[in-house]
Amino acid sequence: MAATGRSRGRRARSPLTRSRDQAMSVTEGALRVGYSNLGHFTRIFTRLTGILPSEYRRAAQTALSENERMSRKTSDSR
């Protein structure tokens, strides 16, 4: 895989890991980093991360939600 593909694949993770209200769809993320073919983007992303972009996005958003919940819980107990 070319270095350009790896670089774009890594950059694609960022828009997928934002909070729910800021997150963009997998298609929007792929387009933002320069992929016009969603199937190709999915293959490259999966090869780099080991999971589908939608699974990555879901896991990242779940982790963010958990962090936000723990943060609120901590501040509420003060």
N, C-alpha and C. Protein backbone atom coordinates (compact mmCIF):
# COMPACT_ATOMS: atom_id res chain seq x y z
N MET A 1 0.85 -1.17 0.00
CA MET A 1 0.00 0.00 0.00
C MET A 1 0.90 1.24 0.00
N ALA A 2 0.55 2.19 -0.80
CA ALA A 2 1.34 3.41 -0.92
C ALA A 2 1.25 4.22 0.37
N ALA A 3 2.31 5.01 0.61
CA ALA A 3 2.34 5.86 1.80
C ALA A 3 1.16 6.82 1.82
N THR A 4 0.75 7.30 0.66
CA THR A 4 -0.39 8.22 0.58
C THR A 4 -1.66 7.56 1.11
N GLY A 5 -1.88 6.31 0.75
CA GLY A 5 -3.05 5.59 1.23
C GLY A 5 -3.03 5.42 2.74
N ARG A 6 -1.87 5.10 3.30
CA ARG A 6 -1.75 4.95 4.75
C ARG A 6 -2.01 6.27 5.45
N SER A 7 -1.47 7.34 4.90
CA SER A 7 -1.65 8.66 5.50
C SER A 7 -3.10 9.08 5.48
N ARG A 8 -3.76 8.90 4.35
CA ARG A 8 -5.18 9.27 4.27
C ARG A 8 -6.01 8.39 5.19
N GLY A 9 -5.64 7.11 5.29
CA GLY A 9 -6.36 6.20 6.18
C GLY A 9 -6.25 6.62 7.64
N ARG A 10 -5.06 7.05 8.04
CA ARG A 10 -4.88 7.54 9.42
C ARG A 10 -5.66 8.82 9.65
N ARG A 11 -5.62 9.73 8.68
CA ARG A 11 -6.36 11.00 8.82
C ARG A 11 -7.86 10.75 8.88
N ALA A 12 -8.32 9.68 8.28
CA ALA A 12 -9.75 9.39 8.24
C ALA A 12 -10.29 9.04 9.61
N ARG A 13 -9.45 8.60 10.52
CA ARG A 13 -9.92 8.23 11.85
C ARG A 13 -10.43 9.45 12.62
N SER A 14 -9.80 10.57 12.44
CA SER A 14 -10.13 11.77 13.22
C SER A 14 -11.59 12.19 13.10
N PRO A 15 -12.14 12.38 11.89
CA PRO A 15 -13.53 12.81 11.84
C PRO A 15 -14.51 11.77 12.37
N LEU A 16 -14.08 10.52 12.42
CA LEU A 16 -14.97 9.45 12.89
C LEU A 16 -14.99 9.35 14.41
N THR A 17 -14.06 10.03 15.08
CA THR A 17 -13.95 9.88 16.53
C THR A 17 -14.46 11.09 17.30
N ARG A 18 -15.08 12.02 16.65
CA ARG A 18 -15.61 13.19 17.34
C ARG A 18 -16.86 12.81 18.11
N SER A 19 -17.29 13.70 18.99
CA SER A 19 -18.48 13.44 19.77
C SER A 19 -19.69 13.28 18.85
N ARG A 20 -20.73 12.70 19.36
CA ARG A 20 -21.91 12.40 18.54
C ARG A 20 -22.43 13.62 17.78
N ASP A 21 -22.48 14.77 18.43
CA ASP A 21 -23.03 15.95 17.78
C ASP A 21 -22.08 16.54 16.74
N GLN A 22 -20.80 16.21 16.80
CA GLN A 22 -19.83 16.72 15.84
C GLN A 22 -19.40 15.67 14.82
N ALA A 23 -19.76 14.43 15.05
CA ALA A 23 -19.29 13.33 14.20
C ALA A 23 -19.90 13.42 12.81
N MET A 24 -19.12 12.98 11.85
CA MET A 24 -19.64 12.92 10.49
C MET A 24 -19.79 11.47 10.09
N SER A 25 -20.53 11.26 9.05
CA SER A 25 -20.74 9.90 8.57
C SER A 25 -19.43 9.35 7.99
N VAL A 26 -19.39 8.06 7.82
CA VAL A 26 -18.22 7.43 7.21
C VAL A 26 -18.01 7.99 5.80
N THR A 27 -19.08 8.18 5.07
CA THR A 27 -18.97 8.73 3.71
C THR A 27 -18.37 10.13 3.74
N GLU A 28 -18.85 10.97 4.65
CA GLU A 28 -18.30 12.33 4.76
C GLU A 28 -16.81 12.29 5.14
N GLY A 29 -16.46 11.40 6.05
CA GLY A 29 -15.06 11.26 6.45
C GLY A 29 -14.18 10.82 5.29
N ALA A 30 -14.66 9.87 4.51
CA ALA A 30 -13.91 9.39 3.35
C ALA A 30 -13.71 10.52 2.34
N LEU A 31 -14.75 11.25 2.07
CA LEU A 31 -14.65 12.36 1.12
C LEU A 31 -13.71 13.44 1.63
N ARG A 32 -13.77 13.71 2.92
CA ARG A 32 -12.93 14.76 3.50
C ARG A 32 -11.44 14.48 3.35
N VAL A 33 -11.06 13.21 3.41
CA VAL A 33 -9.64 12.88 3.28
C VAL A 33 -9.25 12.49 1.86
N GLY A 34 -10.18 12.64 0.91
CA GLY A 34 -9.80 12.49 -0.49
C GLY A 34 -10.21 11.21 -1.20
N TYR A 35 -11.01 10.37 -0.55
CA TYR A 35 -11.48 9.16 -1.22
C TYR A 35 -12.82 9.45 -1.87
N SER A 36 -12.94 9.17 -3.14
CA SER A 36 -14.23 9.35 -3.81
C SER A 36 -14.98 8.03 -3.92
N ASN A 37 -14.29 6.93 -3.67
CA ASN A 37 -14.89 5.60 -3.74
C ASN A 37 -14.99 5.03 -2.33
N LEU A 38 -16.20 4.94 -1.80
CA LEU A 38 -16.40 4.48 -0.43
C LEU A 38 -15.93 3.04 -0.23
N GLY A 39 -16.11 2.20 -1.22
CA GLY A 39 -15.66 0.81 -1.12
C GLY A 39 -14.15 0.72 -0.96
N HIS A 40 -13.43 1.52 -1.74
CA HIS A 40 -11.97 1.53 -1.64
C HIS A 40 -11.54 2.07 -0.28
N PHE A 41 -12.18 3.13 0.17
CA PHE A 41 -11.88 3.69 1.49
C PHE A 41 -12.08 2.63 2.57
N THR A 42 -13.19 1.91 2.49
CA THR A 42 -13.49 0.89 3.50
C THR A 42 -12.42 -0.20 3.50
N ARG A 43 -11.98 -0.64 2.33
CA ARG A 43 -10.93 -1.66 2.25
C ARG A 43 -9.63 -1.17 2.88
N ILE A 44 -9.22 0.05 2.53
CA ILE A 44 -7.97 0.60 3.07
C ILE A 44 -8.08 0.79 4.58
N PHE A 45 -9.17 1.38 5.03
CA PHE A 45 -9.36 1.63 6.46
C PHE A 45 -9.34 0.32 7.24
N THR A 46 -10.05 -0.69 6.72
CA THR A 46 -10.10 -1.98 7.40
C THR A 46 -8.74 -2.65 7.42
N ARG A 47 -7.99 -2.52 6.36
CA ARG A 47 -6.65 -3.08 6.31
C ARG A 47 -5.75 -2.42 7.35
N LEU A 48 -5.90 -1.12 7.55
CA LEU A 48 -5.06 -0.39 8.50
C LEU A 48 -5.47 -0.60 9.95
N THR A 49 -6.76 -0.69 10.22
CA THR A 49 -7.23 -0.72 11.60
C THR A 49 -7.70 -2.10 12.05
N GLY A 50 -8.06 -2.95 11.10
CA GLY A 50 -8.57 -4.27 11.44
C GLY A 50 -10.07 -4.31 11.67
N ILE A 51 -10.73 -3.15 11.59
CA ILE A 51 -12.19 -3.12 11.74
C ILE A 51 -12.78 -2.17 10.71
N LEU A 52 -14.08 -2.34 10.46
CA LEU A 52 -14.77 -1.47 9.51
C LEU A 52 -14.85 -0.05 10.04
N PRO A 53 -14.89 0.94 9.14
CA PRO A 53 -15.00 2.33 9.59
C PRO A 53 -16.22 2.57 10.48
N SER A 54 -17.34 1.96 10.16
CA SER A 54 -18.55 2.15 10.97
C SER A 54 -18.37 1.56 12.37
N GLU A 55 -17.67 0.44 12.49
CA GLU A 55 -17.39 -0.15 13.80
C GLU A 55 -16.45 0.75 14.59
N TYR A 56 -15.44 1.28 13.91
CA TYR A 56 -14.48 2.19 14.54
C TYR A 56 -15.21 3.42 15.07
N ARG A 57 -16.08 3.98 14.25
CA ARG A 57 -16.84 5.18 14.63
C ARG A 57 -17.72 4.88 15.84
N ARG A 58 -18.41 3.77 15.81
CA ARG A 58 -19.29 3.39 16.92
C ARG A 58 -18.50 3.20 18.21
N ALA A 59 -17.36 2.51 18.13
CA ALA A 59 -16.54 2.27 19.32
C ALA A 59 -15.99 3.59 19.87
N ALA A 60 -15.55 4.47 18.99
CA ALA A 60 -15.02 5.76 19.43
C ALA A 60 -16.10 6.59 20.10
N GLN A 61 -17.29 6.60 19.54
CA GLN A 61 -18.37 7.38 20.13
C GLN A 61 -18.82 6.79 21.46
N THR A 62 -18.79 5.48 21.59
CA THR A 62 -19.13 4.84 22.85
C THR A 62 -18.11 5.22 23.91
N ALA A 63 -16.84 5.22 23.55
CA ALA A 63 -15.78 5.60 24.48
C ALA A 63 -15.93 7.07 24.89
N LEU A 64 -16.23 7.94 23.93
CA LEU A 64 -16.44 9.35 24.26
C LEU A 64 -17.62 9.53 25.20
N SER A 65 -18.70 8.83 24.93
CA SER A 65 -19.88 8.93 25.79
C SER A 65 -19.56 8.46 27.20
N GLU A 66 -18.81 7.38 27.30
CA GLU A 66 -18.42 6.85 28.61
C GLU A 66 -17.55 7.86 29.35
N ASN A 67 -16.60 8.46 28.65
CA ASN A 67 -15.73 9.47 29.27
C ASN A 67 -16.54 10.67 29.74
N GLU A 68 -17.49 11.12 28.92
CA GLU A 68 -18.33 12.25 29.30
C GLU A 68 -19.18 11.91 30.53
N ARG A 69 -19.72 10.70 30.55
CA ARG A 69 -20.54 10.27 31.67
C ARG A 69 -19.71 10.21 32.95
N MET A 70 -18.50 9.66 32.86
CA MET A 70 -17.63 9.57 34.03
C MET A 70 -17.21 10.96 34.50
N SER A 71 -16.99 11.85 33.56
CA SER A 71 -16.61 13.22 33.90
C SER A 71 -17.74 13.92 34.65
N ARG A 72 -18.96 13.76 34.17
CA ARG A 72 -20.13 14.35 34.84
C ARG A 72 -20.32 13.75 36.22
N LYS A 73 -20.14 12.45 36.31
CA LYS A 73 -20.29 11.76 37.59
C LYS A 73 -19.29 12.28 38.61
N THR A 74 -18.05 12.48 38.17
CA THR A 74 -17.01 12.98 39.03
C THR A 74 -17.30 14.41 39.49
N SER A 75 -17.75 15.26 38.56
CA SER A 75 -18.03 16.65 38.92
C SER A 75 -19.28 16.76 39.78
N ASP A 76 -20.23 15.85 39.63
CA ASP A 76 -21.44 15.86 40.43
C ASP A 76 -21.17 15.44 41.88
N SER A 77 -20.16 14.63 42.08
CA SER A 77 -19.87 14.12 43.42
C SER A 77 -19.06 15.11 44.26
N ARG A 78 -18.67 16.20 43.69
CA ARG A 78 -17.87 17.20 44.44
C ARG A 78 -18.72 18.07 45.28
